[in-house]
C-alpha atoms as a PDB file:
ATOM      1  CA  UNK A   1      16.254  19.366  24.124  1.00  0.00           C
ATOM      2  CA  UNK A   2      19.298  20.522  26.048  1.00  0.00           C
ATOM      3  CA  UNK A   3      21.657  18.752  23.639  1.00  0.00           C
ATOM      4  CA  UNK A   4      20.426  20.592  20.476  1.00  0.00           C
ATOM      5  CA  UNK A   5      20.754  23.920  22.292  1.00  0.00           C
ATOM      6  CA  UNK A   6      24.347  23.092  23.215  1.00  0.00           C
ATOM      7  CA  UNK A   7      25.026  22.195  19.590  1.00  0.00           C
ATOM      8  CA  UNK A   8      23.578  25.480  18.409  1.00  0.00           C
ATOM      9  CA  UNK A   9      25.653  27.417  20.929  1.00  0.00           C
ATOM     10  CA  UNK A  10      28.780  25.521  19.934  1.00  0.00           C
ATOM     11  CA  UNK A  11      28.085  26.167  16.245  1.00  0.00           C
ATOM     12  CA  UNK A  12      27.565  29.886  16.871  1.00  0.00           C
ATOM     13  CA  UNK A  13      30.787  30.025  18.883  1.00  0.00           C
ATOM     14  CA  UNK A  14      32.766  28.356  16.090  1.00  0.00           C
ATOM     15  CA  UNK A  15      31.252  30.694  13.482  1.00  0.00           C
ATOM     16  CA  UNK A  16      32.132  33.740  15.570  1.00  0.00           C
ATOM     17  CA  UNK A  17      35.736  32.532  15.876  1.00  0.00           C
ATOM     18  CA  UNK A  18      35.872  32.108  12.108  1.00  0.00           C
ATOM     19  CA  UNK A  19      34.570  35.625  11.525  1.00  0.00           C
ATOM     20  CA  UNK A  20      37.097  37.125  13.940  1.00  0.00           C
ATOM     21  CA  UNK A  21      39.899  35.192  12.245  1.00  0.00           C
ATOM     22  CA  UNK A  22      38.994  36.733   8.891  1.00  0.00           C
ATOM     23  CA  UNK A  23      40.463  40.031  10.101  1.00  0.00           C
ATOM     24  CA  UNK A  24      39.422  43.633  10.195  1.00  0.00           C
ATOM     25  CA  UNK A  25      38.260  45.394   7.079  1.00  0.00           C
ATOM     26  CA  UNK A  26      38.336  48.827   8.700  1.00  0.00           C
ATOM     27  CA  UNK A  27      41.181  50.700  10.410  1.00  0.00           C
ATOM     28  CA  UNK A  28      41.577  54.284  11.580  1.00  0.00           C
ATOM     29  CA  UNK A  29      44.019  56.580  13.305  1.00  0.00           C
ATOM     30  CA  UNK A  30      45.344  60.076  13.726  1.00  0.00           C
ATOM     31  CA  UNK A  31      48.649  61.868  14.001  1.00  0.00           C
ATOM     32  CA  UNK A  32      49.575  65.431  14.888  1.00  0.00           C
ATOM     33  CA  UNK A  33      48.181  66.916  11.662  1.00  0.00           C
ATOM     34  CA  UNK A  34      46.206  64.128   9.958  1.00  0.00           C
ATOM     35  CA  UNK A  35      43.218  61.804  10.457  1.00  0.00           C
ATOM     36  CA  UNK A  36      42.933  58.649   8.363  1.00  0.00           C
ATOM     37  CA  UNK A  37      40.658  55.711   7.686  1.00  0.00           C
ATOM     38  CA  UNK A  38      41.069  52.482   5.719  1.00  0.00           C
ATOM     39  CA  UNK A  39      38.213  50.289   4.580  1.00  0.00           C
ATOM     40  CA  UNK A  40      38.213  47.146   2.477  1.00  0.00           C
ATOM     41  CA  UNK A  41      35.236  45.735   0.626  1.00  0.00           C
ATOM     42  CA  UNK A  42      34.317  43.358  -2.156  1.00  0.00           C
ATOM     43  CA  UNK A  43      32.206  44.436  -5.125  1.00  0.00           C
ATOM     44  CA  UNK A  44      31.325  42.141  -8.034  1.00  0.00           C
ATOM     45  CA  UNK A  45      34.220  39.725  -7.397  1.00  0.00           C
ATOM     46  CA  UNK A  46      36.625  42.667  -7.218  1.00  0.00           C
ATOM     47  CA  UNK A  47      38.312  43.739  -3.999  1.00  0.00           C
ATOM     48  CA  UNK A  48      38.462  47.424  -3.137  1.00  0.00           C
ATOM     49  CA  UNK A  49      40.861  49.127  -0.721  1.00  0.00           C
ATOM     50  CA  UNK A  50      40.031  52.713   0.177  1.00  0.00           C
ATOM     51  CA  UNK A  51      42.070  55.205   2.175  1.00  0.00           C
ATOM     52  CA  UNK A  52      40.670  58.590   3.187  1.00  0.00           C
ATOM     53  CA  UNK A  53      43.174  60.979   4.765  1.00  0.00           C
ATOM     54  CA  UNK A  54      42.204  64.466   5.919  1.00  0.00           C
ATOM     55  CA  UNK A  55      43.974  67.317   7.665  1.00  0.00           C
ATOM     56  CA  UNK A  56      43.124  67.523  11.349  1.00  0.00           C
ATOM     57  CA  UNK A  57      40.832  70.404  12.323  1.00  0.00           C
ATOM     58  CA  UNK A  58      39.990  70.843   8.611  1.00  0.00           C
ATOM     59  CA  UNK A  59      43.170  72.860   8.018  1.00  0.00           C
ATOM     60  CA  UNK A  60      43.494  73.864   4.379  1.00  0.00           C
ATOM     61  CA  UNK A  61      46.330  72.099   2.524  1.00  0.00           C
ATOM     62  CA  UNK A  62      46.867  73.568  -0.942  1.00  0.00           C
ATOM     63  CA  UNK A  63      50.200  71.918  -1.808  1.00  0.00           C
ATOM     64  CA  UNK A  64      50.670  68.385  -3.184  1.00  0.00           C
ATOM     65  CA  UNK A  65      50.954  65.639  -0.564  1.00  0.00           C
ATOM     66  CA  UNK A  66      53.302  62.682  -1.081  1.00  0.00           C
ATOM     67  CA  UNK A  67      52.309  59.442   0.587  1.00  0.00           C
ATOM     68  CA  UNK A  68      53.812  56.019   1.170  1.00  0.00           C
ATOM     69  CA  UNK A  69      51.491  53.348   2.588  1.00  0.00           C
ATOM     70  CA  UNK A  70      52.941  50.161   4.079  1.00  0.00           C
ATOM     71  CA  UNK A  71      51.240  47.426   6.094  1.00  0.00           C
ATOM     72  CA  UNK A  72      52.915  45.782   9.057  1.00  0.00           C
ATOM     73  CA  UNK A  73      53.308  42.458   7.217  1.00  0.00           C
ATOM     74  CA  UNK A  74      54.270  43.923   3.837  1.00  0.00           C
ATOM     75  CA  UNK A  75      51.092  42.860   2.003  1.00  0.00           C
ATOM     76  CA  UNK A  76      50.503  46.455   0.909  1.00  0.00           C
ATOM     77  CA  UNK A  77      52.868  49.006  -0.628  1.00  0.00           C
ATOM     78  CA  UNK A  78      51.418  52.128  -2.269  1.00  0.00           C
ATOM     79  CA  UNK A  79      53.029  55.484  -2.965  1.00  0.00           C
ATOM     80  CA  UNK A  80      52.337  58.612  -4.934  1.00  0.00           C
ATOM     81  CA  UNK A  81      51.748  62.350  -4.838  1.00  0.00           C
ATOM     82  CA  UNK A  82      48.334  64.012  -5.087  1.00  0.00           C
ATOM     83  CA  UNK A  83      46.612  67.314  -4.476  1.00  0.00           C
ATOM     84  CA  UNK A  84      43.821  67.134  -1.929  1.00  0.00           C
ATOM     85  CA  UNK A  85      40.337  67.287  -3.428  1.00  0.00           C
ATOM     86  CA  UNK A  86      37.698  68.813  -1.152  1.00  0.00           C
ATOM     87  CA  UNK A  87      40.477  68.914   1.479  1.00  0.00           C
ATOM     88  CA  UNK A  88      40.756  65.109   1.401  1.00  0.00           C
ATOM     89  CA  UNK A  89      43.376  62.687   0.093  1.00  0.00           C
ATOM     90  CA  UNK A  90      41.402  59.739  -1.307  1.00  0.00           C
ATOM     91  CA  UNK A  91      43.319  56.670  -2.476  1.00  0.00           C
ATOM     92  CA  UNK A  92      41.387  53.804  -4.039  1.00  0.00           C
ATOM     93  CA  UNK A  93      42.823  50.537  -5.346  1.00  0.00           C
ATOM     94  CA  UNK A  94      41.050  47.595  -6.969  1.00  0.00           C
ATOM     95  CA  UNK A  95      42.390  44.069  -7.324  1.00  0.00           C
ATOM     96  CA  UNK A  96      41.173  40.521  -7.776  1.00  0.00           C
ATOM     97  CA  UNK A  97      43.505  38.609  -5.455  1.00  0.00           C
ATOM     98  CA  UNK A  98      44.688  41.021  -2.745  1.00  0.00           C
ATOM     99  CA  UNK A  99      43.799  40.928   0.945  1.00  0.00           C
ATOM    100  CA  UNK A 100      41.245  43.493   2.005  1.00  0.00           C
ATOM    101  CA  UNK A 101      41.374  42.382   5.638  1.00  0.00           C
ATOM    102  CA  UNK A 102      45.028  43.194   6.163  1.00  0.00           C
ATOM    103  CA  UNK A 103      46.811  40.620   8.309  1.00  0.00           C
ATOM    104  CA  UNK A 104      48.917  42.955  10.427  1.00  0.00           C
ATOM    105  CA  UNK A 105      45.964  45.133  11.373  1.00  0.00           C
ATOM    106  CA  UNK A 106      48.342  48.097  11.297  1.00  0.00           C
ATOM    107  CA  UNK A 107      49.101  50.381   8.380  1.00  0.00           C
ATOM    108  CA  UNK A 108      51.742  53.129   8.381  1.00  0.00           C
ATOM    109  CA  UNK A 109      51.241  56.107   6.099  1.00  0.00           C
ATOM    110  CA  UNK A 110      54.193  58.434   5.646  1.00  0.00           C
ATOM    111  CA  UNK A 111      52.995  61.872   4.540  1.00  0.00           C
ATOM    112  CA  UNK A 112      55.169  64.688   3.143  1.00  0.00           C
ATOM    113  CA  UNK A 113      53.850  68.156   2.360  1.00  0.00           C
ATOM    114  CA  UNK A 114      55.180  71.697   2.378  1.00  0.00           C
ATOM    115  CA  UNK A 115      58.586  70.603   3.739  1.00  0.00           C
ATOM    116  CA  UNK A 116      56.975  68.615   6.576  1.00  0.00           C
ATOM    117  CA  UNK A 117      57.004  64.864   7.196  1.00  0.00           C
ATOM    118  CA  UNK A 118      54.722  62.832   9.452  1.00  0.00           C
ATOM    119  CA  UNK A 119      53.687  59.200   9.961  1.00  0.00           C
ATOM    120  CA  UNK A 120      50.029  58.324  10.426  1.00  0.00           C
ATOM    121  CA  UNK A 121      49.348  54.849  11.876  1.00  0.00           C
ATOM    122  CA  UNK A 122      46.001  53.135  11.271  1.00  0.00           C
ATOM    123  CA  UNK A 123      44.941  50.357  13.647  1.00  0.00           C
ATOM    124  CA  UNK A 124      41.705  48.591  14.573  1.00  0.00           C
END
């Protein structure tokens, strides 16, 4: 009976290594003025990447915010300008063949608003 238990333990160990190798699907971080979170998921064979960026201490931001999102290994490149809704900058992308568990496990978000510029880094 000791041998089957060793096999089960070995199998569980290998499965856990596989799951870790798949990468993170959630990252977060904060900068001087911003707090951000990234999450990746899969819904009905479609992959979803979601970024939620909010002003720190719930400061009101009433001007448009420009953003540029880049991953460490260049498998993500998004940019645009939006007004915050409910004091939150929500960016959602859907794709069929993109990575939701980003390889670099680090995302840089350059934010520009009201003549200010700041970089928010999301990590695991």
